[in-house]
Amino acid sequence: METEATNLIGLEIFSDKGYRLGNVTDVMVDFDSQVIYGLYVERTNDGLVEDGVPVLVPYRWVRAVGDVILLKRFPTFVSVSPSE
């Protein structure tokens, strides 16, 4: 899957279950290998991520890029509280 990093900013991201995670606000790129490392989502769906905190989605989790981004995997819920 080849795409320009700048084209990803602003796109909506949807989980593998069809839930909207948020919009891409930044892209992490490994310039040495010239590959996209991850997609940064600043305001996330608090139904998927505790308190709607920002997350970095690994690009290897991306299934498809078009008018939106579809993920092939995403945790059911991301907790930011320390587990006991």
PDB file of N, CA and C in Angstrom:
ATOM      1  N   MET A   1       0.850  -1.154   0.000  1.00  0.00           N
ATOM      2  CA  MET A   1       0.000   0.000   0.000  1.00  0.00           C
ATOM      3  C   MET A   1       0.905   1.228   0.000  1.00  0.00           C
ATOM      4  N   GLU A   2       0.874   1.990  -1.072  1.00  0.00           N
ATOM      5  CA  GLU A   2       1.718   3.159  -1.190  1.00  0.00           C
ATOM      6  C   GLU A   2       0.858   4.410  -1.191  1.00  0.00           C
ATOM      7  N   THR A   3       1.210   5.353  -0.347  1.00  0.00           N
ATOM      8  CA  THR A   3       0.466   6.607  -0.261  1.00  0.00           C
ATOM      9  C   THR A   3       1.392   7.693   0.241  1.00  0.00           C
ATOM     10  N   GLU A   4       1.049   8.944  -0.036  1.00  0.00           N
ATOM     11  CA  GLU A   4       1.834  10.058   0.478  1.00  0.00           C
ATOM     12  C   GLU A   4       1.354  10.399   1.871  1.00  0.00           C
ATOM     13  N   ALA A   5       2.264  10.627   2.773  1.00  0.00           N
ATOM     14  CA  ALA A   5       1.931  10.883   4.177  1.00  0.00           C
ATOM     15  C   ALA A   5       1.019  12.091   4.330  1.00  0.00           C
ATOM     16  N   THR A   6       1.241  13.136   3.561  1.00  0.00           N
ATOM     17  CA  THR A   6       0.429  14.345   3.706  1.00  0.00           C
ATOM     18  C   THR A   6      -1.030  14.111   3.337  1.00  0.00           C
ATOM     19  N   ASN A   7      -1.305  13.120   2.501  1.00  0.00           N
ATOM     20  CA  ASN A   7      -2.682  12.814   2.116  1.00  0.00           C
ATOM     21  C   ASN A   7      -3.476  12.171   3.252  1.00  0.00           C
ATOM     22  N   LEU A   8      -2.792  11.683   4.276  1.00  0.00           N
ATOM     23  CA  LEU A   8      -3.451  10.998   5.380  1.00  0.00           C
ATOM     24  C   LEU A   8      -3.981  11.944   6.444  1.00  0.00           C
ATOM     25  N   ILE A   9      -3.378  13.128   6.559  1.00  0.00           N
ATOM     26  CA  ILE A   9      -3.782  14.078   7.595  1.00  0.00           C
ATOM     27  C   ILE A   9      -5.207  14.552   7.329  1.00  0.00           C
ATOM     28  N   GLY A  10      -6.025  14.447   8.383  1.00  0.00           N
ATOM     29  CA  GLY A  10      -7.421  14.856   8.292  1.00  0.00           C
ATOM     30  C   GLY A  10      -8.388  13.716   8.007  1.00  0.00           C
ATOM     31  N   LEU A  11      -7.868  12.579   7.539  1.00  0.00           N
ATOM     32  CA  LEU A  11      -8.759  11.451   7.249  1.00  0.00           C
ATOM     33  C   LEU A  11      -9.301  10.826   8.530  1.00  0.00           C
ATOM     34  N   GLU A  12     -10.548  10.354   8.471  1.00  0.00           N
ATOM     35  CA  GLU A  12     -11.140   9.640   9.586  1.00  0.00           C
ATOM     36  C   GLU A  12     -10.595   8.219   9.621  1.00  0.00           C
ATOM     37  N   ILE A  13     -10.434   7.687  10.834  1.00  0.00           N
ATOM     38  CA  ILE A  13      -9.979   6.306  11.009  1.00  0.00           C
ATOM     39  C   ILE A  13     -11.112   5.512  11.652  1.00  0.00           C
ATOM     40  N   PHE A  14     -11.371   4.312  11.104  1.00  0.00           N
ATOM     41  CA  PHE A  14     -12.386   3.420  11.640  1.00  0.00           C
ATOM     42  C   PHE A  14     -11.746   2.098  12.060  1.00  0.00           C
ATOM     43  N   SER A  15     -12.192   1.586  13.205  1.00  0.00           N
ATOM     44  CA  SER A  15     -11.664   0.323  13.724  1.00  0.00           C
ATOM     45  C   SER A  15     -12.132  -0.841  12.857  1.00  0.00           C
ATOM     46  N   ASP A  16     -11.599  -2.006  13.135  1.00  0.00           N
ATOM     47  CA  ASP A  16     -11.991  -3.221  12.414  1.00  0.00           C
ATOM     48  C   ASP A  16     -13.452  -3.584  12.667  1.00  0.00           C
ATOM     49  N   LYS A  17     -14.047  -3.034  13.721  1.00  0.00           N
ATOM     50  CA  LYS A  17     -15.462  -3.285  14.037  1.00  0.00           C
ATOM     51  C   LYS A  17     -16.367  -2.178  13.491  1.00  0.00           C
ATOM     52  N   GLY A  18     -15.770  -1.179  12.826  1.00  0.00           N
ATOM     53  CA  GLY A  18     -16.543  -0.100  12.219  1.00  0.00           C
ATOM     54  C   GLY A  18     -16.765   1.113  13.091  1.00  0.00           C
ATOM     55  N   TYR A  19     -16.104   1.178  14.253  1.00  0.00           N
ATOM     56  CA  TYR A  19     -16.241   2.337  15.134  1.00  0.00           C
ATOM     57  C   TYR A  19     -15.260   3.429  14.722  1.00  0.00           C
ATOM     58  N   ARG A  20     -15.735   4.668  14.751  1.00  0.00           N
ATOM     59  CA  ARG A  20     -14.881   5.800  14.398  1.00  0.00           C
ATOM     60  C   ARG A  20     -13.913   6.076  15.541  1.00  0.00           C
ATOM     61  N   LEU A  21     -12.618   6.044  15.246  1.00  0.00           N
ATOM     62  CA  LEU A  21     -11.586   6.324  16.241  1.00  0.00           C
ATOM     63  C   LEU A  21     -11.321   7.821  16.340  1.00  0.00           C
ATOM     64  N   GLY A  22     -11.268   8.493  15.210  1.00  0.00           N
ATOM     65  CA  GLY A  22     -10.984   9.928  15.174  1.00  0.00           C
ATOM     66  C   GLY A  22     -10.391  10.306  13.830  1.00  0.00           C
ATOM     67  N   ASN A  23      -9.735  11.467  13.784  1.00  0.00           N
ATOM     68  CA  ASN A  23      -9.096  11.939  12.560  1.00  0.00           C
ATOM     69  C   ASN A  23      -7.584  11.977  12.738  1.00  0.00           C
ATOM     70  N   VAL A  24      -6.861  11.668  11.686  1.00  0.00           N
ATOM     71  CA  VAL A  24      -5.402  11.726  11.704  1.00  0.00           C
ATOM     72  C   VAL A  24      -4.982  13.193  11.830  1.00  0.00           C
ATOM     73  N   THR A  25      -4.163  13.489  12.839  1.00  0.00           N
ATOM     74  CA  THR A  25      -3.668  14.853  13.007  1.00  0.00           C
ATOM     75  C   THR A  25      -2.184  14.970  12.679  1.00  0.00           C
ATOM     76  N   ASP A  26      -1.489  13.827  12.636  1.00  0.00           N
ATOM     77  CA  ASP A  26      -0.062  13.847  12.309  1.00  0.00           C
ATOM     78  C   ASP A  26       0.350  12.451  11.840  1.00  0.00           C
ATOM     79  N   VAL A  27       1.456  12.386  11.147  1.00  0.00           N
ATOM     80  CA  VAL A  27       1.970  11.121  10.623  1.00  0.00           C
ATOM     81  C   VAL A  27       3.426  10.984  11.052  1.00  0.00           C
ATOM     82  N   MET A  28       3.779   9.826  11.624  1.00  0.00           N
ATOM     83  CA  MET A  28       5.171   9.559  11.979  1.00  0.00           C
ATOM     84  C   MET A  28       5.818   8.788  10.832  1.00  0.00           C
ATOM     85  N   VAL A  29       6.938   9.309  10.365  1.00  0.00           N
ATOM     86  CA  VAL A  29       7.625   8.720   9.214  1.00  0.00           C
ATOM     87  C   VAL A  29       9.053   8.363   9.613  1.00  0.00           C
ATOM     88  N   ASP A  30       9.494   7.182   9.205  1.00  0.00           N
ATOM     89  CA  ASP A  30      10.889   6.787   9.351  1.00  0.00           C
ATOM     90  C   ASP A  30      11.592   7.217   8.061  1.00  0.00           C
ATOM     91  N   PHE A  31      12.317   8.316   8.144  1.00  0.00           N
ATOM     92  CA  PHE A  31      12.924   8.874   6.941  1.00  0.00           C
ATOM     93  C   PHE A  31      14.063   8.022   6.402  1.00  0.00           C
ATOM     94  N   ASP A  32      14.742   7.264   7.261  1.00  0.00           N
ATOM     95  CA  ASP A  32      15.819   6.408   6.790  1.00  0.00           C
ATOM     96  C   ASP A  32      15.306   5.325   5.852  1.00  0.00           C
ATOM     97  N   SER A  33      14.204   4.687   6.243  1.00  0.00           N
ATOM     98  CA  SER A  33      13.651   3.618   5.399  1.00  0.00           C
ATOM     99  C   SER A  33      12.515   4.112   4.509  1.00  0.00           C
ATOM    100  N   GLN A  34      12.138   5.388   4.658  1.00  0.00           N
ATOM    101  CA  GLN A  34      11.097   6.022   3.854  1.00  0.00           C
ATOM    102  C   GLN A  34       9.757   5.290   3.942  1.00  0.00           C
ATOM    103  N   VAL A  35       9.359   4.949   5.179  1.00  0.00           N
ATOM    104  CA  VAL A  35       8.064   4.303   5.394  1.00  0.00           C
ATOM    105  C   VAL A  35       7.302   5.037   6.495  1.00  0.00           C
ATOM    106  N   ILE A  36       5.993   4.945   6.419  1.00  0.00           N
ATOM    107  CA  ILE A  36       5.135   5.524   7.443  1.00  0.00           C
ATOM    108  C   ILE A  36       5.144   4.580   8.640  1.00  0.00           C
ATOM    109  N   TYR A  37       5.438   5.117   9.811  1.00  0.00           N
ATOM    110  CA  TYR A  37       5.507   4.324  11.037  1.00  0.00           C
ATOM    111  C   TYR A  37       4.166   4.277  11.753  1.00  0.00           C
ATOM    112  N   GLY A  38       3.484   5.413  11.837  1.00  0.00           N
ATOM    113  CA  GLY A  38       2.227   5.434  12.571  1.00  0.00           C
ATOM    114  C   GLY A  38       1.401   6.666  12.278  1.00  0.00           C
ATOM    115  N   LEU A  39       0.132   6.598  12.692  1.00  0.00           N
ATOM    116  CA  LEU A  39      -0.816   7.686  12.516  1.00  0.00           C
ATOM    117  C   LEU A  39      -1.215   8.206  13.889  1.00  0.00           C
ATOM    118  N   TYR A  40      -1.051   9.488  14.101  1.00  0.00           N
ATOM    119  CA  TYR A  40      -1.364  10.103  15.386  1.00  0.00           C
ATOM    120  C   TYR A  40      -2.787  10.647  15.344  1.00  0.00           C
ATOM    121  N   VAL A  41      -3.571  10.251  16.330  1.00  0.00           N
ATOM    122  CA  VAL A  41      -4.955  10.720  16.454  1.00  0.00           C
ATOM    123  C   VAL A  41      -5.041  11.472  17.774  1.00  0.00           C
ATOM    124  N   GLU A  42      -5.308  12.773  17.688  1.00  0.00           N
ATOM    125  CA  GLU A  42      -5.268  13.611  18.886  1.00  0.00           C
ATOM    126  C   GLU A  42      -6.536  13.499  19.729  1.00  0.00           C
ATOM    127  N   ARG A  43      -7.695  13.624  19.127  1.00  0.00           N
ATOM    128  CA  ARG A  43      -8.969  13.519  19.862  1.00  0.00           C
ATOM    129  C   ARG A  43      -9.643  12.213  19.471  1.00  0.00           C
ATOM    130  N   THR A  44      -9.562  11.239  20.358  1.00  0.00           N
ATOM    131  CA  THR A  44     -10.085   9.907  20.047  1.00  0.00           C
ATOM    132  C   THR A  44     -11.473   9.693  20.629  1.00  0.00           C
ATOM    133  N   ASN A  45     -12.134   8.687  20.122  1.00  0.00           N
ATOM    134  CA  ASN A  45     -13.452   8.264  20.593  1.00  0.00           C
ATOM    135  C   ASN A  45     -13.291   7.691  21.995  1.00  0.00           C
ATOM    136  N   ASP A  46     -13.947   8.317  22.990  1.00  0.00           N
ATOM    137  CA  ASP A  46     -13.772   7.830  24.356  1.00  0.00           C
ATOM    138  C   ASP A  46     -14.485   6.506  24.615  1.00  0.00           C
ATOM    139  N   GLY A  47     -15.201   6.001  23.638  1.00  0.00           N
ATOM    140  CA  GLY A  47     -15.747   4.651  23.722  1.00  0.00           C
ATOM    141  C   GLY A  47     -14.704   3.600  23.370  1.00  0.00           C
ATOM    142  N   LEU A  48     -13.630   4.040  22.702  1.00  0.00           N
ATOM    143  CA  LEU A  48     -12.540   3.139  22.322  1.00  0.00           C
ATOM    144  C   LEU A  48     -11.272   3.378  23.134  1.00  0.00           C
ATOM    145  N   VAL A  49     -11.059   4.633  23.531  1.00  0.00           N
ATOM    146  CA  VAL A  49      -9.844   5.008  24.256  1.00  0.00           C
ATOM    147  C   VAL A  49     -10.251   5.781  25.513  1.00  0.00           C
ATOM    148  N   GLU A  50      -9.784   5.319  26.646  1.00  0.00           N
ATOM    149  CA  GLU A  50     -10.140   5.945  27.921  1.00  0.00           C
ATOM    150  C   GLU A  50      -9.873   7.449  27.900  1.00  0.00           C
ATOM    151  N   ASP A  51     -10.880   8.211  28.280  1.00  0.00           N
ATOM    152  CA  ASP A  51     -10.817   9.681  28.352  1.00  0.00           C
ATOM    153  C   ASP A  51     -10.501  10.337  27.009  1.00  0.00           C
ATOM    154  N   GLY A  52     -10.571   9.601  25.915  1.00  0.00           N
ATOM    155  CA  GLY A  52     -10.316  10.177  24.595  1.00  0.00           C
ATOM    156  C   GLY A  52      -8.911  10.705  24.402  1.00  0.00           C
ATOM    157  N   VAL A  53      -7.953  10.106  25.132  1.00  0.00           N
ATOM    158  CA  VAL A  53      -6.563  10.578  25.031  1.00  0.00           C
ATOM    159  C   VAL A  53      -5.989  10.282  23.643  1.00  0.00           C
ATOM    160  N   PRO A  54      -4.975  11.025  23.235  1.00  0.00           N
ATOM    161  CA  PRO A  54      -4.347  10.785  21.934  1.00  0.00           C
ATOM    162  C   PRO A  54      -3.691   9.404  21.859  1.00  0.00           C
ATOM    163  N   VAL A  55      -3.662   8.834  20.651  1.00  0.00           N
ATOM    164  CA  VAL A  55      -2.994   7.554  20.422  1.00  0.00           C
ATOM    165  C   VAL A  55      -2.188   7.612  19.126  1.00  0.00           C
ATOM    166  N   LEU A  56      -1.204   6.748  19.060  1.00  0.00           N
ATOM    167  CA  LEU A  56      -0.439   6.543  17.832  1.00  0.00           C
ATOM    168  C   LEU A  56      -0.794   5.150  17.327  1.00  0.00           C
ATOM    169  N   VAL A  57      -1.429   5.089  16.184  1.00  0.00           N
ATOM    170  CA  VAL A  57      -1.842   3.817  15.604  1.00  0.00           C
ATOM    171  C   VAL A  57      -0.731   3.320  14.685  1.00  0.00           C
ATOM    172  N   PRO A  58      -0.184   2.137  14.952  1.00  0.00           N
ATOM    173  CA  PRO A  58       0.856   1.604  14.058  1.00  0.00           C
ATOM    174  C   PRO A  58       0.323   1.469  12.633  1.00  0.00           C
ATOM    175  N   TYR A  59       1.095   1.896  11.669  1.00  0.00           N
ATOM    176  CA  TYR A  59       0.636   1.846  10.273  1.00  0.00           C
ATOM    177  C   TYR A  59       0.428   0.411   9.797  1.00  0.00           C
ATOM    178  N   ARG A  60       1.094  -0.534  10.430  1.00  0.00           N
ATOM    179  CA  ARG A  60       0.911  -1.941  10.034  1.00  0.00           C
ATOM    180  C   ARG A  60      -0.505  -2.430  10.355  1.00  0.00           C
ATOM    181  N   TRP A  61      -1.254  -1.682  11.171  1.00  0.00           N
ATOM    182  CA  TRP A  61      -2.644  -2.027  11.487  1.00  0.00           C
ATOM    183  C   TRP A  61      -3.620  -1.536  10.418  1.00  0.00           C
ATOM    184  N   VAL A  62      -3.152  -0.755   9.450  1.00  0.00           N
ATOM    185  CA  VAL A  62      -4.025  -0.195   8.415  1.00  0.00           C
ATOM    186  C   VAL A  62      -4.352  -1.255   7.371  1.00  0.00           C
ATOM    187  N   ARG A  63      -5.658  -1.421   7.124  1.00  0.00           N
ATOM    188  CA  ARG A  63      -6.126  -2.349   6.087  1.00  0.00           C
ATOM    189  C   ARG A  63      -6.247  -1.630   4.745  1.00  0.00           C
ATOM    190  N   ALA A  64      -6.857  -0.425   4.762  1.00  0.00           N
ATOM    191  CA  ALA A  64      -7.109   0.281   3.509  1.00  0.00           C
ATOM    192  C   ALA A  64      -7.126   1.788   3.741  1.00  0.00           C
ATOM    193  N   VAL A  65      -6.691   2.520   2.703  1.00  0.00           N
ATOM    194  CA  VAL A  65      -6.727   3.975   2.715  1.00  0.00           C
ATOM    195  C   VAL A  65      -7.486   4.424   1.490  1.00  0.00           C
ATOM    196  N   GLY A  66      -8.484   5.258   1.706  1.00  0.00           N
ATOM    197  CA  GLY A  66      -9.275   5.822   0.618  1.00  0.00           C
ATOM    198  C   GLY A  66      -9.833   7.144   1.103  1.00  0.00           C
ATOM    199  N   ASP A  67     -11.156   7.278   1.053  1.00  0.00           N
ATOM    200  CA  ASP A  67     -11.799   8.468   1.610  1.00  0.00           C
ATOM    201  C   ASP A  67     -11.694   8.450   3.135  1.00  0.00           C
ATOM    202  N   VAL A  68     -11.548   7.264   3.699  1.00  0.00           N
ATOM    203  CA  VAL A  68     -11.328   7.056   5.137  1.00  0.00           C
ATOM    204  C   VAL A  68     -10.224   6.008   5.283  1.00  0.00           C
ATOM    205  N   ILE A  69      -9.779   5.794   6.517  1.00  0.00           N
ATOM    206  CA  ILE A  69      -8.792   4.755   6.793  1.00  0.00           C
ATOM    207  C   ILE A  69      -9.478   3.649   7.574  1.00  0.00           C
ATOM    208  N   LEU A  70      -9.341   2.433   7.090  1.00  0.00           N
ATOM    209  CA  LEU A  70      -9.902   1.266   7.770  1.00  0.00           C
ATOM    210  C   LEU A  70      -8.760   0.472   8.396  1.00  0.00           C
ATOM    211  N   LEU A  71      -8.962   0.092   9.653  1.00  0.00           N
ATOM    212  CA  LEU A  71      -7.950  -0.693  10.358  1.00  0.00           C
ATOM    213  C   LEU A  71      -8.270  -2.172  10.283  1.00  0.00           C
ATOM    214  N   LYS A  72      -7.237  -3.006  10.244  1.00  0.00           N
ATOM    215  CA  LYS A  72      -7.457  -4.448  10.271  1.00  0.00           C
ATOM    216  C   LYS A  72      -7.479  -4.977  11.692  1.00  0.00           C
ATOM    217  N   ARG A  73      -7.040  -4.131  12.650  1.00  0.00           N
ATOM    218  CA  ARG A  73      -7.119  -4.495  14.067  1.00  0.00           C
ATOM    219  C   ARG A  73      -7.080  -3.229  14.902  1.00  0.00           C
ATOM    220  N   PHE A  74      -7.720  -3.314  16.062  1.00  0.00           N
ATOM    221  CA  PHE A  74      -7.660  -2.271  17.074  1.00  0.00           C
ATOM    222  C   PHE A  74      -8.197  -2.880  18.352  1.00  0.00           C
ATOM    223  N   PRO A  75      -7.584  -2.586  19.493  1.00  0.00           N
ATOM    224  CA  PRO A  75      -8.082  -3.167  20.746  1.00  0.00           C
ATOM    225  C   PRO A  75      -9.543  -2.797  20.997  1.00  0.00           C
ATOM    226  N   THR A  76     -10.257  -3.647  21.720  1.00  0.00           N
ATOM    227  CA  THR A  76     -11.644  -3.368  22.066  1.00  0.00           C
ATOM    228  C   THR A  76     -11.743  -2.080  22.860  1.00  0.00           C
ATOM    229  N   PHE A  77     -10.802  -1.881  23.782  1.00  0.00           N
ATOM    230  CA  PHE A  77     -10.759  -0.653  24.574  1.00  0.00           C
ATOM    231  C   PHE A  77      -9.320  -0.427  25.026  1.00  0.00           C
ATOM    232  N   VAL A  78      -8.858   0.810  24.902  1.00  0.00           N
ATOM    233  CA  VAL A  78      -7.508   1.162  25.331  1.00  0.00           C
ATOM    234  C   VAL A  78      -7.615   1.892  26.661  1.00  0.00           C
ATOM    235  N   SER A  79      -7.035   1.305  27.701  1.00  0.00           N
ATOM    236  CA  SER A  79      -7.051   1.896  29.034  1.00  0.00           C
ATOM    237  C   SER A  79      -5.731   2.602  29.282  1.00  0.00           C
ATOM    238  N   VAL A  80      -5.822   3.795  29.860  1.00  0.00           N
ATOM    239  CA  VAL A  80      -4.601   4.530  30.178  1.00  0.00           C
ATOM    240  C   VAL A  80      -4.274   4.448  31.666  1.00  0.00           C
ATOM    241  N   SER A  81      -5.175   3.881  32.428  1.00  0.00           N
ATOM    242  CA  SER A  81      -4.926   3.703  33.864  1.00  0.00           C
ATOM    243  C   SER A  81      -3.963   2.540  34.077  1.00  0.00           C
ATOM    244  N   PRO A  82      -3.065   2.658  35.035  1.00  0.00           N
ATOM    245  CA  PRO A  82      -2.140   1.542  35.304  1.00  0.00           C
ATOM    246  C   PRO A  82      -2.920   0.321  35.767  1.00  0.00           C
ATOM    247  N   SER A  83      -2.581  -0.828  35.209  1.00  0.00           N
ATOM    248  CA  SER A  83      -3.264  -2.066  35.616  1.00  0.00           C
ATOM    249  C   SER A  83      -2.610  -2.619  36.866  1.00  0.00           C
ATOM    250  N   GLU A  84      -3.408  -3.299  37.661  1.00  0.00           N
ATOM    251  CA  GLU A  84      -2.885  -3.863  38.920  1.00  0.00           C
ATOM    252  C   GLU A  84      -2.554  -5.320  38.771  1.00  0.00           C
TER     253      GLU A  84
END
